[in-house]
Amino acid sequence: MVNRAICLIVLISLGPWIAGATEARDRAFINYDGDTFRATFRIANIDTPEIEGKCEAERDLAQKAKLFTERFLARGDVVIRQTGVDRYGRILALVTSDGRDLGEALVAAGLARPWMGRREKWC
């Protein structure tokens, strides 16, 4: 009986988190009309500095990563392949341009780190 009560408490406490993950995934695709939509996703397996980072060095590196990504994607055909969903319900994807992996290119340029399961400090 106690085990059932504990399981019920755990399930009830997870409810908002599960609902939030579903809502986040639903917001990843915004439909404009029958043949137009916008999609939001994160590049899988990497972490980049944040535009609104905690220090000037992080913010500067984030701007460089953004510019690098814009130029990288402008070079050729872009392919986006969904690989999963993170714990927050965000869509994860591998992105290539002209056959080159964007995540790998960002890491090689020193503008991203391989994702190791938790965010590391940039400052």
PDB file of N, CA and C in Angstrom:
ATOM      1  N   MET A   1       0.809  -1.190   0.000  1.00  0.00           N
ATOM      2  CA  MET A   1       0.000   0.000   0.000  1.00  0.00           C
ATOM      3  C   MET A   1       0.860   1.265   0.000  1.00  0.00           C
ATOM      4  N   VAL A   2       1.917   1.261   0.818  1.00  0.00           N
ATOM      5  CA  VAL A   2       2.819   2.408   0.876  1.00  0.00           C
ATOM      6  C   VAL A   2       3.501   2.609  -0.473  1.00  0.00           C
ATOM      7  N   ASN A   3       3.914   1.513  -1.122  1.00  0.00           N
ATOM      8  CA  ASN A   3       4.565   1.619  -2.428  1.00  0.00           C
ATOM      9  C   ASN A   3       3.639   2.249  -3.460  1.00  0.00           C
ATOM     10  N   ARG A   4       2.363   1.873  -3.433  1.00  0.00           N
ATOM     11  CA  ARG A   4       1.402   2.463  -4.369  1.00  0.00           C
ATOM     12  C   ARG A   4       1.251   3.957  -4.115  1.00  0.00           C
ATOM     13  N   ALA A   5       1.209   4.343  -2.857  1.00  0.00           N
ATOM     14  CA  ALA A   5       1.077   5.762  -2.507  1.00  0.00           C
ATOM     15  C   ALA A   5       2.290   6.547  -2.984  1.00  0.00           C
ATOM     16  N   ILE A   6       3.475   5.984  -2.803  1.00  0.00           N
ATOM     17  CA  ILE A   6       4.702   6.652  -3.260  1.00  0.00           C
ATOM     18  C   ILE A   6       4.696   6.784  -4.774  1.00  0.00           C
ATOM     19  N   CYS A   7       4.318   5.718  -5.481  1.00  0.00           N
ATOM     20  CA  CYS A   7       4.251   5.772  -6.948  1.00  0.00           C
ATOM     21  C   CYS A   7       3.263   6.835  -7.403  1.00  0.00           C
ATOM     22  N   LEU A   8       2.118   6.919  -6.738  1.00  0.00           N
ATOM     23  CA  LEU A   8       1.114   7.912  -7.093  1.00  0.00           C
ATOM     24  C   LEU A   8       1.645   9.327  -6.883  1.00  0.00           C
ATOM     25  N   ILE A   9       2.328   9.566  -5.783  1.00  0.00           N
ATOM     26  CA  ILE A   9       2.910  10.887  -5.509  1.00  0.00           C
ATOM     27  C   ILE A   9       3.941  11.248  -6.577  1.00  0.00           C
ATOM     28  N   VAL A  10       4.791  10.296  -6.942  1.00  0.00           N
ATOM     29  CA  VAL A  10       5.801  10.543  -7.975  1.00  0.00           C
ATOM     30  C   VAL A  10       5.134  10.869  -9.299  1.00  0.00           C
ATOM     31  N   LEU A  11       4.135  10.098  -9.695  1.00  0.00           N
ATOM     32  CA  LEU A  11       3.444  10.353 -10.965  1.00  0.00           C
ATOM     33  C   LEU A  11       2.765  11.714 -10.972  1.00  0.00           C
ATOM     34  N   ILE A  12       2.129  12.076  -9.873  1.00  0.00           N
ATOM     35  CA  ILE A  12       1.467  13.384  -9.795  1.00  0.00           C
ATOM     36  C   ILE A  12       2.493  14.510  -9.890  1.00  0.00           C
ATOM     37  N   SER A  13       3.627  14.353  -9.233  1.00  0.00           N
ATOM     38  CA  SER A  13       4.648  15.407  -9.273  1.00  0.00           C
ATOM     39  C   SER A  13       5.292  15.523 -10.644  1.00  0.00           C
ATOM     40  N   LEU A  14       5.336  14.437 -11.416  1.00  0.00           N
ATOM     41  CA  LEU A  14       5.918  14.483 -12.757  1.00  0.00           C
ATOM     42  C   LEU A  14       4.950  15.054 -13.786  1.00  0.00           C
ATOM     43  N   GLY A  15       3.680  15.078 -13.471  1.00  0.00           N
ATOM     44  CA  GLY A  15       2.676  15.539 -14.425  1.00  0.00           C
ATOM     45  C   GLY A  15       2.982  16.875 -15.069  1.00  0.00           C
ATOM     46  N   PRO A  16       3.230  17.939 -14.296  1.00  0.00           N
ATOM     47  CA  PRO A  16       3.531  19.234 -14.909  1.00  0.00           C
ATOM     48  C   PRO A  16       4.790  19.208 -15.771  1.00  0.00           C
ATOM     49  N   TRP A  17       5.795  18.434 -15.355  1.00  0.00           N
ATOM     50  CA  TRP A  17       7.029  18.361 -16.145  1.00  0.00           C
ATOM     51  C   TRP A  17       6.752  17.694 -17.479  1.00  0.00           C
ATOM     52  N   ILE A  18       6.004  16.593 -17.469  1.00  0.00           N
ATOM     53  CA  ILE A  18       5.680  15.890 -18.710  1.00  0.00           C
ATOM     54  C   ILE A  18       4.831  16.780 -19.600  1.00  0.00           C
ATOM     55  N   ALA A  19       3.840  17.455 -19.034  1.00  0.00           N
ATOM     56  CA  ALA A  19       2.997  18.363 -19.814  1.00  0.00           C
ATOM     57  C   ALA A  19       3.831  19.489 -20.400  1.00  0.00           C
ATOM     58  N   GLY A  20       4.761  20.032 -19.624  1.00  0.00           N
ATOM     59  CA  GLY A  20       5.628  21.101 -20.119  1.00  0.00           C
ATOM     60  C   GLY A  20       6.487  20.644 -21.270  1.00  0.00           C
ATOM     61  N   ALA A  21       6.995  19.424 -21.209  1.00  0.00           N
ATOM     62  CA  ALA A  21       7.819  18.889 -22.296  1.00  0.00           C
ATOM     63  C   ALA A  21       6.993  18.779 -23.561  1.00  0.00           C
ATOM     64  N   THR A  22       5.756  18.308 -23.440  1.00  0.00           N
ATOM     65  CA  THR A  22       4.882  18.190 -24.604  1.00  0.00           C
ATOM     66  C   THR A  22       4.580  19.563 -25.175  1.00  0.00           C
ATOM     67  N   GLU A  23       4.284  20.535 -24.314  1.00  0.00           N
ATOM     68  CA  GLU A  23       3.998  21.887 -24.777  1.00  0.00           C
ATOM     69  C   GLU A  23       5.207  22.496 -25.470  1.00  0.00           C
ATOM     70  N   ALA A  24       6.405  22.278 -24.941  1.00  0.00           N
ATOM     71  CA  ALA A  24       7.612  22.818 -25.567  1.00  0.00           C
ATOM     72  C   ALA A  24       7.785  22.237 -26.959  1.00  0.00           C
ATOM     73  N   ARG A  25       7.554  20.936 -27.089  1.00  0.00           N
ATOM     74  CA  ARG A  25       7.695  20.310 -28.402  1.00  0.00           C
ATOM     75  C   ARG A  25       6.634  20.837 -29.359  1.00  0.00           C
ATOM     76  N   ASP A  26       5.403  21.021 -28.876  1.00  0.00           N
ATOM     77  CA  ASP A  26       4.345  21.554 -29.723  1.00  0.00           C
ATOM     78  C   ASP A  26       4.670  22.963 -30.204  1.00  0.00           C
ATOM     79  N   ARG A  27       5.337  23.760 -29.368  1.00  0.00           N
ATOM     80  CA  ARG A  27       5.707  25.128 -29.756  1.00  0.00           C
ATOM     81  C   ARG A  27       6.879  25.150 -30.725  1.00  0.00           C
ATOM     82  N   ALA A  28       7.551  24.032 -30.913  1.00  0.00           N
ATOM     83  CA  ALA A  28       8.690  23.989 -31.821  1.00  0.00           C
ATOM     84  C   ALA A  28       8.250  24.183 -33.266  1.00  0.00           C
ATOM     85  N   PHE A  29       7.002  23.863 -33.569  1.00  0.00           N
ATOM     86  CA  PHE A  29       6.464  24.035 -34.916  1.00  0.00           C
ATOM     87  C   PHE A  29       5.325  25.034 -34.868  1.00  0.00           C
ATOM     88  N   ILE A  30       5.499  26.151 -35.566  1.00  0.00           N
ATOM     89  CA  ILE A  30       4.472  27.184 -35.617  1.00  0.00           C
ATOM     90  C   ILE A  30       3.915  27.208 -37.033  1.00  0.00           C
ATOM     91  N   ASN A  31       2.637  26.900 -37.166  1.00  0.00           N
ATOM     92  CA  ASN A  31       1.994  26.830 -38.466  1.00  0.00           C
ATOM     93  C   ASN A  31       1.502  28.213 -38.877  1.00  0.00           C
ATOM     94  N   TYR A  32       1.878  28.647 -40.083  1.00  0.00           N
ATOM     95  CA  TYR A  32       1.424  29.932 -40.598  1.00  0.00           C
ATOM     96  C   TYR A  32       0.182  29.738 -41.462  1.00  0.00           C
ATOM     97  N   ASP A  33       0.279  28.844 -42.432  1.00  0.00           N
ATOM     98  CA  ASP A  33      -0.870  28.466 -43.248  1.00  0.00           C
ATOM     99  C   ASP A  33      -0.675  27.017 -43.690  1.00  0.00           C
ATOM    100  N   GLY A  34      -1.415  26.567 -44.672  1.00  0.00           N
ATOM    101  CA  GLY A  34      -1.391  25.162 -45.054  1.00  0.00           C
ATOM    102  C   GLY A  34      -0.048  24.639 -45.510  1.00  0.00           C
ATOM    103  N   ASP A  35       0.786  25.509 -46.064  1.00  0.00           N
ATOM    104  CA  ASP A  35       2.069  25.022 -46.585  1.00  0.00           C
ATOM    105  C   ASP A  35       3.276  25.782 -46.035  1.00  0.00           C
ATOM    106  N   THR A  36       3.094  26.507 -44.952  1.00  0.00           N
ATOM    107  CA  THR A  36       4.191  27.285 -44.376  1.00  0.00           C
ATOM    108  C   THR A  36       4.205  27.133 -42.858  1.00  0.00           C
ATOM    109  N   PHE A  37       5.396  26.871 -42.311  1.00  0.00           N
ATOM    110  CA  PHE A  37       5.547  26.807 -40.862  1.00  0.00           C
ATOM    111  C   PHE A  37       6.979  27.152 -40.500  1.00  0.00           C
ATOM    112  N   ARG A  38       7.176  27.448 -39.242  1.00  0.00           N
ATOM    113  CA  ARG A  38       8.516  27.685 -38.693  1.00  0.00           C
ATOM    114  C   ARG A  38       8.817  26.565 -37.713  1.00  0.00           C
ATOM    115  N   ALA A  39      10.069  26.155 -37.703  1.00  0.00           N
ATOM    116  CA  ALA A  39      10.486  25.101 -36.775  1.00  0.00           C
ATOM    117  C   ALA A  39      11.643  25.614 -35.925  1.00  0.00           C
ATOM    118  N   THR A  40      11.620  25.282 -34.652  1.00  0.00           N
ATOM    119  CA  THR A  40      12.687  25.644 -33.730  1.00  0.00           C
ATOM    120  C   THR A  40      13.277  24.365 -33.164  1.00  0.00           C
ATOM    121  N   PHE A  41      14.601  24.296 -33.140  1.00  0.00           N
ATOM    122  CA  PHE A  41      15.267  23.108 -32.614  1.00  0.00           C
ATOM    123  C   PHE A  41      16.649  23.476 -32.129  1.00  0.00           C
ATOM    124  N   ARG A  42      17.295  22.561 -31.435  1.00  0.00           N
ATOM    125  CA  ARG A  42      18.667  22.741 -30.959  1.00  0.00           C
ATOM    126  C   ARG A  42      19.558  21.757 -31.698  1.00  0.00           C
ATOM    127  N   ILE A  43      20.781  22.171 -31.946  1.00  0.00           N
ATOM    128  CA  ILE A  43      21.739  21.263 -32.573  1.00  0.00           C
ATOM    129  C   ILE A  43      22.130  20.207 -31.547  1.00  0.00           C
ATOM    130  N   ALA A  44      22.045  18.965 -31.948  1.00  0.00           N
ATOM    131  CA  ALA A  44      22.340  17.845 -31.053  1.00  0.00           C
ATOM    132  C   ALA A  44      23.836  17.750 -30.775  1.00  0.00           C
ATOM    133  N   ASN A  45      24.164  17.289 -29.600  1.00  0.00           N
ATOM    134  CA  ASN A  45      25.526  16.885 -29.211  1.00  0.00           C
ATOM    135  C   ASN A  45      26.526  18.012 -29.002  1.00  0.00           C
ATOM    136  N   ILE A  46      26.062  19.270 -28.974  1.00  0.00           N
ATOM    137  CA  ILE A  46      26.991  20.374 -28.711  1.00  0.00           C
ATOM    138  C   ILE A  46      26.367  21.368 -27.742  1.00  0.00           C
ATOM    139  N   ASP A  47      27.211  22.248 -27.213  1.00  0.00           N
ATOM    140  CA  ASP A  47      26.773  23.370 -26.388  1.00  0.00           C
ATOM    141  C   ASP A  47      27.546  24.589 -26.851  1.00  0.00           C
ATOM    142  N   THR A  48      26.839  25.677 -27.120  1.00  0.00           N
ATOM    143  CA  THR A  48      27.489  26.926 -27.503  1.00  0.00           C
ATOM    144  C   THR A  48      27.263  27.962 -26.411  1.00  0.00           C
ATOM    145  N   PRO A  49      28.086  29.002 -26.380  1.00  0.00           N
ATOM    146  CA  PRO A  49      27.871  30.083 -25.415  1.00  0.00           C
ATOM    147  C   PRO A  49      26.530  30.776 -25.687  1.00  0.00           C
ATOM    148  N   GLU A  50      25.994  31.424 -24.671  1.00  0.00           N
ATOM    149  CA  GLU A  50      24.689  32.079 -24.766  1.00  0.00           C
ATOM    150  C   GLU A  50      24.839  33.550 -25.150  1.00  0.00           C
ATOM    151  N   ILE A  51      23.943  34.026 -26.007  1.00  0.00           N
ATOM    152  CA  ILE A  51      23.930  35.431 -26.432  1.00  0.00           C
ATOM    153  C   ILE A  51      23.803  36.349 -25.213  1.00  0.00           C
ATOM    154  N   GLU A  52      23.003  35.944 -24.243  1.00  0.00           N
ATOM    155  CA  GLU A  52      22.838  36.723 -23.010  1.00  0.00           C
ATOM    156  C   GLU A  52      23.637  36.066 -21.889  1.00  0.00           C
ATOM    157  N   GLY A  53      24.884  35.739 -22.192  1.00  0.00           N
ATOM    158  CA  GLY A  53      25.755  35.038 -21.255  1.00  0.00           C
ATOM    159  C   GLY A  53      26.091  35.841 -20.017  1.00  0.00           C
ATOM    160  N   LYS A  54      26.804  35.184 -19.104  1.00  0.00           N
ATOM    161  CA  LYS A  54      27.103  35.772 -17.795  1.00  0.00           C
ATOM    162  C   LYS A  54      28.278  36.738 -17.804  1.00  0.00           C
ATOM    163  N   CYS A  55      29.104  36.700 -18.850  1.00  0.00           N
ATOM    164  CA  CYS A  55      30.245  37.613 -18.918  1.00  0.00           C
ATOM    165  C   CYS A  55      30.439  38.062 -20.366  1.00  0.00           C
ATOM    166  N   GLU A  56      31.229  39.096 -20.528  1.00  0.00           N
ATOM    167  CA  GLU A  56      31.456  39.647 -21.860  1.00  0.00           C
ATOM    168  C   GLU A  56      32.117  38.632 -22.787  1.00  0.00           C
ATOM    169  N   ALA A  57      33.041  37.844 -22.266  1.00  0.00           N
ATOM    170  CA  ALA A  57      33.727  36.844 -23.094  1.00  0.00           C
ATOM    171  C   ALA A  57      32.731  35.829 -23.660  1.00  0.00           C
ATOM    172  N   GLU A  58      31.779  35.388 -22.838  1.00  0.00           N
ATOM    173  CA  GLU A  58      30.767  34.435 -23.318  1.00  0.00           C
ATOM    174  C   GLU A  58      29.876  35.078 -24.375  1.00  0.00           C
ATOM    175  N   ARG A  59      29.445  36.310 -24.133  1.00  0.00           N
ATOM    176  CA  ARG A  59      28.577  36.998 -25.093  1.00  0.00           C
ATOM    177  C   ARG A  59      29.292  37.224 -26.418  1.00  0.00           C
ATOM    178  N   ASP A  60      30.578  37.586 -26.373  1.00  0.00           N
ATOM    179  CA  ASP A  60      31.360  37.780 -27.602  1.00  0.00           C
ATOM    180  C   ASP A  60      31.490  36.470 -28.378  1.00  0.00           C
ATOM    181  N   LEU A  61      31.802  35.392 -27.675  1.00  0.00           N
ATOM    182  CA  LEU A  61      31.938  34.086 -28.320  1.00  0.00           C
ATOM    183  C   LEU A  61      30.598  33.631 -28.904  1.00  0.00           C
ATOM    184  N   ALA A  62      29.512  33.940 -28.216  1.00  0.00           N
ATOM    185  CA  ALA A  62      28.177  33.591 -28.715  1.00  0.00           C
ATOM    186  C   ALA A  62      27.884  34.310 -30.028  1.00  0.00           C
ATOM    187  N   GLN A  63      28.257  35.580 -30.119  1.00  0.00           N
ATOM    188  CA  GLN A  63      28.057  36.330 -31.365  1.00  0.00           C
ATOM    189  C   GLN A  63      28.889  35.729 -32.500  1.00  0.00           C
ATOM    190  N   LYS A  64      30.111  35.316 -32.185  1.00  0.00           N
ATOM    191  CA  LYS A  64      30.965  34.681 -33.200  1.00  0.00           C
ATOM    192  C   LYS A  64      30.365  33.358 -33.661  1.00  0.00           C
ATOM    193  N   ALA A  65      29.817  32.585 -32.728  1.00  0.00           N
ATOM    194  CA  ALA A  65      29.182  31.311 -33.086  1.00  0.00           C
ATOM    195  C   ALA A  65      27.956  31.550 -33.964  1.00  0.00           C
ATOM    196  N   LYS A  66      27.202  32.584 -33.658  1.00  0.00           N
ATOM    197  CA  LYS A  66      26.016  32.917 -34.453  1.00  0.00           C
ATOM    198  C   LYS A  66      26.409  33.293 -35.881  1.00  0.00           C
ATOM    199  N   LEU A  67      27.414  34.156 -36.022  1.00  0.00           N
ATOM    200  CA  LEU A  67      27.887  34.567 -37.343  1.00  0.00           C
ATOM    201  C   LEU A  67      28.452  33.374 -38.115  1.00  0.00           C
ATOM    202  N   PHE A  68      29.228  32.529 -37.439  1.00  0.00           N
ATOM    203  CA  PHE A  68      29.780  31.322 -38.059  1.00  0.00           C
ATOM    204  C   PHE A  68      28.649  30.450 -38.602  1.00  0.00           C
ATOM    205  N   THR A  69      27.603  30.267 -37.793  1.00  0.00           N
ATOM    206  CA  THR A  69      26.471  29.428 -38.201  1.00  0.00           C
ATOM    207  C   THR A  69      25.764  30.020 -39.415  1.00  0.00           C
ATOM    208  N   GLU A  70      25.533  31.323 -39.415  1.00  0.00           N
ATOM    209  CA  GLU A  70      24.882  31.978 -40.558  1.00  0.00           C
ATOM    210  C   GLU A  70      25.682  31.758 -41.837  1.00  0.00           C
ATOM    211  N   ARG A  71      26.984  31.951 -41.770  1.00  0.00           N
ATOM    212  CA  ARG A  71      27.841  31.772 -42.949  1.00  0.00           C
ATOM    213  C   ARG A  71      27.912  30.308 -43.372  1.00  0.00           C
ATOM    214  N   PHE A  72      27.988  29.422 -42.398  1.00  0.00           N
ATOM    215  CA  PHE A  72      28.067  27.985 -42.675  1.00  0.00           C
ATOM    216  C   PHE A  72      26.824  27.524 -43.439  1.00  0.00           C
ATOM    217  N   LEU A  73      25.658  27.953 -42.991  1.00  0.00           N
ATOM    218  CA  LEU A  73      24.410  27.522 -43.613  1.00  0.00           C
ATOM    219  C   LEU A  73      24.189  28.149 -44.982  1.00  0.00           C
ATOM    220  N   ALA A  74      24.805  29.284 -45.253  1.00  0.00           N
ATOM    221  CA  ALA A  74      24.637  29.966 -46.534  1.00  0.00           C
ATOM    222  C   ALA A  74      25.448  29.322 -47.654  1.00  0.00           C
ATOM    223  N   ARG A  75      26.332  28.376 -47.315  1.00  0.00           N
ATOM    224  CA  ARG A  75      27.240  27.800 -48.310  1.00  0.00           C
ATOM    225  C   ARG A  75      26.595  26.802 -49.253  1.00  0.00           C
ATOM    226  N   GLY A  76      25.520  26.180 -48.861  1.00  0.00           N
ATOM    227  CA  GLY A  76      24.948  25.149 -49.725  1.00  0.00           C
ATOM    228  C   GLY A  76      23.659  24.579 -49.178  1.00  0.00           C
ATOM    229  N   ASP A  77      23.287  23.429 -49.719  1.00  0.00           N
ATOM    230  CA  ASP A  77      22.059  22.765 -49.296  1.00  0.00           C
ATOM    231  C   ASP A  77      22.138  22.386 -47.821  1.00  0.00           C
ATOM    232  N   VAL A  78      21.079  22.686 -47.104  1.00  0.00           N
ATOM    233  CA  VAL A  78      21.019  22.404 -45.667  1.00  0.00           C
ATOM    234  C   VAL A  78      20.089  21.213 -45.440  1.00  0.00           C
ATOM    235  N   VAL A  79      20.568  20.260 -44.644  1.00  0.00           N
ATOM    236  CA  VAL A  79      19.764  19.099 -44.269  1.00  0.00           C
ATOM    237  C   VAL A  79      19.645  19.089 -42.748  1.00  0.00           C
ATOM    238  N   ILE A  80      18.419  18.966 -42.264  1.00  0.00           N
ATOM    239  CA  ILE A  80      18.147  18.924 -40.829  1.00  0.00           C
ATOM    240  C   ILE A  80      17.510  17.575 -40.525  1.00  0.00           C
ATOM    241  N   ARG A  81      18.140  16.820 -39.621  1.00  0.00           N
ATOM    242  CA  ARG A  81      17.631  15.490 -39.276  1.00  0.00           C
ATOM    243  C   ARG A  81      17.402  15.412 -37.777  1.00  0.00           C
ATOM    244  N   GLN A  82      16.136  15.257 -37.386  1.00  0.00           N
ATOM    245  CA  GLN A  82      15.806  15.162 -35.966  1.00  0.00           C
ATOM    246  C   GLN A  82      16.406  13.889 -35.387  1.00  0.00           C
ATOM    247  N   THR A  83      17.063  14.043 -34.226  1.00  0.00           N
ATOM    248  CA  THR A  83      17.677  12.890 -33.568  1.00  0.00           C
ATOM    249  C   THR A  83      16.991  12.535 -32.258  1.00  0.00           C
ATOM    250  N   GLY A  84      16.186  13.440 -31.731  1.00  0.00           N
ATOM    251  CA  GLY A  84      15.519  13.161 -30.467  1.00  0.00           C
ATOM    252  C   GLY A  84      14.923  14.411 -29.870  1.00  0.00           C
ATOM    253  N   VAL A  85      14.620  14.301 -28.585  1.00  0.00           N
ATOM    254  CA  VAL A  85      14.046  15.400 -27.821  1.00  0.00           C
ATOM    255  C   VAL A  85      14.785  15.442 -26.491  1.00  0.00           C
ATOM    256  N   ASP A  86      15.169  16.643 -26.046  1.00  0.00           N
ATOM    257  CA  ASP A  86      15.882  16.724 -24.767  1.00  0.00           C
ATOM    258  C   ASP A  86      14.907  16.676 -23.593  1.00  0.00           C
ATOM    259  N   ARG A  87      15.431  16.749 -22.400  1.00  0.00           N
ATOM    260  CA  ARG A  87      14.591  16.597 -21.206  1.00  0.00           C
ATOM    261  C   ARG A  87      13.601  17.734 -21.019  1.00  0.00           C
ATOM    262  N   TYR A  88      13.774  18.824 -21.769  1.00  0.00           N
ATOM    263  CA  TYR A  88      12.838  19.941 -21.704  1.00  0.00           C
ATOM    264  C   TYR A  88      11.820  19.902 -22.843  1.00  0.00           C
ATOM    265  N   GLY A  89      11.868  18.852 -23.650  1.00  0.00           N
ATOM    266  CA  GLY A  89      10.941  18.722 -24.762  1.00  0.00           C
ATOM    267  C   GLY A  89      11.385  19.429 -26.025  1.00  0.00           C
ATOM    268  N   ARG A  90      12.605  19.936 -26.045  1.00  0.00           N
ATOM    269  CA  ARG A  90      13.101  20.630 -27.240  1.00  0.00           C
ATOM    270  C   ARG A  90      13.590  19.608 -28.263  1.00  0.00           C
ATOM    271  N   ILE A  91      13.308  19.871 -29.519  1.00  0.00           N
ATOM    272  CA  ILE A  91      13.735  18.979 -30.591  1.00  0.00           C
ATOM    273  C   ILE A  91      15.235  19.119 -30.794  1.00  0.00           C
ATOM    274  N   LEU A  92      15.930  17.991 -30.873  1.00  0.00           N
ATOM    275  CA  LEU A  92      17.365  17.950 -31.150  1.00  0.00           C
ATOM    276  C   LEU A  92      17.562  17.482 -32.582  1.00  0.00           C
ATOM    277  N   ALA A  93      18.525  18.087 -33.285  1.00  0.00           N
ATOM    278  CA  ALA A  93      18.734  17.731 -34.685  1.00  0.00           C
ATOM    279  C   ALA A  93      20.195  17.852 -35.076  1.00  0.00           C
ATOM    280  N   LEU A  94      20.587  17.034 -36.039  1.00  0.00           N
ATOM    281  CA  LEU A  94      21.882  17.182 -36.698  1.00  0.00           C
ATOM    282  C   LEU A  94      21.650  18.061 -37.915  1.00  0.00           C
ATOM    283  N   VAL A  95      22.550  19.001 -38.147  1.00  0.00           N
ATOM    284  CA  VAL A  95      22.412  19.948 -39.248  1.00  0.00           C
ATOM    285  C   VAL A  95      23.659  19.863 -40.110  1.00  0.00           C
ATOM    286  N   THR A  96      23.452  19.682 -41.415  1.00  0.00           N
ATOM    287  CA  THR A  96      24.583  19.669 -42.339  1.00  0.00           C
ATOM    288  C   THR A  96      24.349  20.687 -43.443  1.00  0.00           C
ATOM    289  N   SER A  97      25.437  21.201 -43.978  1.00  0.00           N
ATOM    290  CA  SER A  97      25.401  22.087 -45.132  1.00  0.00           C
ATOM    291  C   SER A  97      26.481  21.610 -46.087  1.00  0.00           C
ATOM    292  N   ASP A  98      26.084  21.328 -47.295  1.00  0.00           N
ATOM    293  CA  ASP A  98      27.004  20.748 -48.287  1.00  0.00           C
ATOM    294  C   ASP A  98      27.697  19.499 -47.743  1.00  0.00           C
ATOM    295  N   GLY A  99      26.977  18.724 -46.940  1.00  0.00           N
ATOM    296  CA  GLY A  99      27.508  17.481 -46.404  1.00  0.00           C
ATOM    297  C   GLY A  99      28.382  17.619 -45.172  1.00  0.00           C
ATOM    298  N   ARG A 100      28.644  18.840 -44.715  1.00  0.00           N
ATOM    299  CA  ARG A 100      29.468  19.057 -43.513  1.00  0.00           C
ATOM    300  C   ARG A 100      28.579  19.285 -42.306  1.00  0.00           C
ATOM    301  N   ASP A 101      28.931  18.674 -41.191  1.00  0.00           N
ATOM    302  CA  ASP A 101      28.156  18.764 -39.960  1.00  0.00           C
ATOM    303  C   ASP A 101      28.422  20.089 -39.250  1.00  0.00           C
ATOM    304  N   LEU A 102      27.361  20.856 -39.001  1.00  0.00           N
ATOM    305  CA  LEU A 102      27.502  22.163 -38.354  1.00  0.00           C
ATOM    306  C   LEU A 102      28.037  22.035 -36.937  1.00  0.00           C
ATOM    307  N   GLY A 103      27.537  21.095 -36.169  1.00  0.00           N
ATOM    308  CA  GLY A 103      28.003  20.917 -34.794  1.00  0.00           C
ATOM    309  C   GLY A 103      29.490  20.631 -34.731  1.00  0.00           C
ATOM    310  N   GLU A 104      29.952  19.719 -35.578  1.00  0.00           N
ATOM    311  CA  GLU A 104      31.382  19.391 -35.618  1.00  0.00           C
ATOM    312  C   GLU A 104      32.204  20.603 -36.035  1.00  0.00           C
ATOM    313  N   ALA A 105      31.699  21.375 -36.994  1.00  0.00           N
ATOM    314  CA  ALA A 105      32.422  22.563 -37.459  1.00  0.00           C
ATOM    315  C   ALA A 105      32.514  23.619 -36.357  1.00  0.00           C
ATOM    316  N   LEU A 106      31.446  23.807 -35.597  1.00  0.00           N
ATOM    317  CA  LEU A 106      31.477  24.762 -34.485  1.00  0.00           C
ATOM    318  C   LEU A 106      32.489  24.342 -33.426  1.00  0.00           C
ATOM    319  N   VAL A 107      32.527  23.050 -33.113  1.00  0.00           N
ATOM    320  CA  VAL A 107      33.495  22.552 -32.129  1.00  0.00           C
ATOM    321  C   VAL A 107      34.913  22.747 -32.654  1.00  0.00           C
ATOM    322  N   ALA A 108      35.156  22.396 -33.915  1.00  0.00           N
ATOM    323  CA  ALA A 108      36.492  22.529 -34.507  1.00  0.00           C
ATOM    324  C   ALA A 108      36.960  23.983 -34.523  1.00  0.00           C
ATOM    325  N   ALA A 109      36.015  24.916 -34.671  1.00  0.00           N
ATOM    326  CA  ALA A 109      36.353  26.345 -34.698  1.00  0.00           C
ATOM    327  C   ALA A 109      36.506  26.932 -33.292  1.00  0.00           C
ATOM    328  N   GLY A 110      36.282  26.126 -32.266  1.00  0.00           N
ATOM    329  CA  GLY A 110      36.390  26.615 -30.892  1.00  0.00           C
ATOM    330  C   GLY A 110      35.192  27.434 -30.441  1.00  0.00           C
ATOM    331  N   LEU A 111      34.068  27.301 -31.154  1.00  0.00           N
ATOM    332  CA  LEU A 111      32.872  28.088 -30.853  1.00  0.00           C
ATOM    333  C   LEU A 111      31.786  27.271 -30.157  1.00  0.00           C
ATOM    334  N   ALA A 112      32.067  26.009 -29.908  1.00  0.00           N
ATOM    335  CA  ALA A 112      31.136  25.113 -29.213  1.00  0.00           C
ATOM    336  C   ALA A 112      31.945  24.027 -28.533  1.00  0.00           C
ATOM    337  N   ARG A 113      31.275  23.325 -27.636  1.00  0.00           N
ATOM    338  CA  ARG A 113      31.880  22.175 -26.958  1.00  0.00           C
ATOM    339  C   ARG A 113      31.003  20.958 -27.201  1.00  0.00           C
ATOM    340  N   PRO A 114      31.598  19.786 -27.195  1.00  0.00           N
ATOM    341  CA  PRO A 114      30.748  18.588 -27.240  1.00  0.00           C
ATOM    342  C   PRO A 114      29.860  18.561 -25.993  1.00  0.00           C
ATOM    343  N   TRP A 115      28.615  18.163 -26.159  1.00  0.00           N
ATOM    344  CA  TRP A 115      27.686  18.077 -25.030  1.00  0.00           C
ATOM    345  C   TRP A 115      28.006  16.829 -24.226  1.00  0.00           C
ATOM    346  N   MET A 116      28.259  17.005 -22.940  1.00  0.00           N
ATOM    347  CA  MET A 116      28.628  15.895 -22.065  1.00  0.00           C
ATOM    348  C   MET A 116      27.565  15.631 -21.002  1.00  0.00           C
ATOM    349  N   GLY A 117      26.346  16.070 -21.256  1.00  0.00           N
ATOM    350  CA  GLY A 117      25.262  15.799 -20.328  1.00  0.00           C
ATOM    351  C   GLY A 117      24.940  16.922 -19.369  1.00  0.00           C
ATOM    352  N   ARG A 118      25.788  17.938 -19.323  1.00  0.00           N
ATOM    353  CA  ARG A 118      25.498  19.110 -18.490  1.00  0.00           C
ATOM    354  C   ARG A 118      26.255  20.308 -19.043  1.00  0.00           C
ATOM    355  N   ARG A 119      25.713  21.464 -18.780  1.00  0.00           N
ATOM    356  CA  ARG A 119      26.304  22.708 -19.273  1.00  0.00           C
ATOM    357  C   ARG A 119      27.531  23.067 -18.450  1.00  0.00           C
ATOM    358  N   GLU A 120      28.606  23.398 -19.147  1.00  0.00           N
ATOM    359  CA  GLU A 120      29.841  23.856 -18.498  1.00  0.00           C
ATOM    360  C   GLU A 120      29.889  25.381 -18.577  1.00  0.00           C
ATOM    361  N   LYS A 121      30.602  26.001 -17.668  1.00  0.00           N
ATOM    362  CA  LYS A 121      30.722  27.462 -17.649  1.00  0.00           C
ATOM    363  C   LYS A 121      31.579  27.942 -18.814  1.00  0.00           C
ATOM    364  N   TRP A 122      31.202  29.085 -19.378  1.00  0.00           N
ATOM    365  CA  TRP A 122      31.980  29.724 -20.437  1.00  0.00           C
ATOM    366  C   TRP A 122      32.797  30.888 -19.886  1.00  0.00           C
ATOM    367  N   CYS A 123      32.518  31.319 -18.675  1.00  0.00           N
ATOM    368  CA  CYS A 123      33.223  32.463 -18.082  1.00  0.00           C
ATOM    369  C   CYS A 123      34.313  31.995 -17.134  1.00  0.00           C
TER     370      CYS A 123
END
